[in-house]
Amino acid sequence: MKIRRDDIVKVLAGKDRGKQGKVLKIFPSKNKAIVEGINYISKHARKTQDNPKGGIVHREGPIDISKLCIVCARCGKPSRVGFNILNDRSKVRVCRACQEVI
């Protein structure tokens, strides 16, 4: 996978197009991710000891990874991800625009 937890990503399509956020969780089998502040959903919560009032709870929902693009820390733009192998034979992700290690 080209997107990992704690990456800063930008949404390319959907109701939150143009927004940026940090990846909180990845679901590789479903090809989805949960991003901070993106794709809010309303969930009806039952009364419990932790939540005595119950009611409607707003939280982030999963969004498809194909709608996300990594934001490069150096150039600050959303960019595609490439891979390079360093001299110590470790594989790293790089920004396709500026060739900076992500």
Protein backbone atom coordinates (compact mmCIF):
# COMPACT_ATOMS: atom_id res chain seq x y z
CA MET A 1 0.00 0.00 0.00
CA LYS A 2 1.19 3.47 -0.81
CA ILE A 3 -0.73 5.18 2.01
CA ARG A 4 0.12 4.43 5.64
CA ARG A 5 -1.01 5.54 9.08
CA ASP A 6 0.03 9.10 10.11
CA ASP A 7 0.41 10.26 6.47
CA ILE A 8 -1.07 13.64 5.55
CA VAL A 9 -3.47 13.12 2.64
CA LYS A 10 -5.73 15.24 0.44
CA VAL A 11 -9.17 14.14 -0.73
CA LEU A 12 -9.49 14.09 -4.53
CA ALA A 13 -13.19 13.26 -4.94
CA GLY A 14 -16.45 13.29 -3.04
CA LYS A 15 -18.20 15.65 -0.64
CA ASP A 16 -14.93 16.51 1.16
CA ARG A 17 -12.90 17.25 -2.01
CA GLY A 18 -9.89 19.48 -1.33
CA LYS A 19 -9.71 18.86 2.43
CA GLN A 20 -6.57 17.53 4.10
CA GLY A 21 -6.20 15.30 7.14
CA LYS A 22 -4.05 12.73 8.90
CA VAL A 23 -4.67 9.03 8.32
CA LEU A 24 -5.84 7.43 11.57
CA LYS A 25 -6.43 3.85 10.46
CA ILE A 26 -6.05 1.71 7.33
CA PHE A 27 -8.17 -1.26 6.26
CA PRO A 28 -6.07 -2.96 3.51
CA SER A 29 -8.53 -5.80 2.87
CA LYS A 30 -11.36 -3.31 2.19
CA ASN A 31 -9.06 -0.75 0.49
CA LYS A 32 -10.33 1.98 2.82
CA ALA A 33 -8.90 4.44 5.36
CA ILE A 34 -10.17 6.60 8.19
CA VAL A 35 -8.90 10.19 7.92
CA GLU A 36 -9.08 12.81 10.67
CA GLY A 37 -11.85 15.35 9.98
CA ILE A 38 -12.96 13.72 6.70
CA ASN A 39 -16.19 11.88 5.79
CA TYR A 40 -18.17 12.54 8.97
CA ILE A 41 -21.11 10.17 9.50
CA SER A 42 -23.98 10.31 11.98
CA LYS A 43 -24.47 7.24 14.12
CA HIS A 44 -27.36 6.66 16.50
CA ALA A 45 -26.02 5.62 19.91
CA ARG A 46 -27.97 3.68 22.49
CA LYS A 47 -27.98 4.81 26.13
CA THR A 48 -25.13 3.21 28.07
CA GLN A 49 -23.25 3.90 31.31
CA ASP A 50 -20.52 5.65 29.32
CA ASN A 51 -23.04 7.67 27.30
CA PRO A 52 -26.13 8.14 29.55
CA LYS A 53 -27.95 10.46 27.12
CA GLY A 54 -27.49 8.42 23.98
CA GLY A 55 -28.49 10.28 20.82
CA ILE A 56 -26.69 11.00 17.57
CA VAL A 57 -22.89 10.73 17.52
CA HIS A 58 -20.78 12.23 14.70
CA ARG A 59 -17.53 10.49 13.79
CA GLU A 60 -15.23 9.81 10.86
CA GLY A 61 -16.22 7.06 8.47
CA PRO A 62 -14.02 5.03 6.13
CA ILE A 63 -13.17 6.52 2.73
CA ASP A 64 -11.81 4.67 -0.29
CA ILE A 65 -8.04 4.93 -0.74
CA SER A 66 -8.47 5.68 -4.46
CA LYS A 67 -9.94 9.07 -3.45
CA LEU A 68 -6.84 10.01 -1.41
CA CYS A 69 -3.45 11.41 -2.44
CA ILE A 70 -0.40 11.89 -0.21
CA VAL A 71 0.75 15.47 0.42
CA CYS A 72 4.54 15.82 0.12
CA ALA A 73 6.17 17.49 3.14
CA ARG A 74 8.81 19.22 1.01
CA CYS A 75 6.81 20.65 -1.89
CA GLY A 76 3.48 20.80 -0.02
CA LYS A 77 1.49 19.52 -2.99
CA PRO A 78 -0.47 16.31 -3.40
CA SER A 79 1.69 13.93 -5.39
CA ARG A 80 1.84 10.39 -6.63
CA VAL A 81 4.04 7.92 -4.78
CA GLY A 82 6.99 6.09 -6.27
CA PHE A 83 9.45 3.64 -4.78
CA ASN A 84 13.27 3.71 -4.69
CA ILE A 85 15.82 1.32 -3.27
CA LEU A 86 18.56 2.98 -1.23
CA ASN A 87 22.20 1.90 -0.98
CA ASP A 88 21.48 -0.08 2.19
CA ARG A 89 18.90 -2.06 0.16
CA SER A 90 15.88 -0.58 1.95
CA LYS A 91 12.81 0.27 -0.09
CA VAL A 92 11.42 3.79 0.50
CA ARG A 93 8.47 5.80 -0.80
CA VAL A 94 9.32 8.95 -2.76
CA CYS A 95 7.38 11.93 -4.08
CA ARG A 96 7.13 11.68 -7.88
CA ALA A 97 7.30 15.47 -8.27
CA CYS A 98 10.41 16.32 -6.22
CA GLN A 99 11.97 12.87 -5.54
CA GLU A 100 11.96 13.55 -1.77
CA VAL A 101 11.67 10.54 0.58
CA ILE A 102 8.22 10.47 2.18
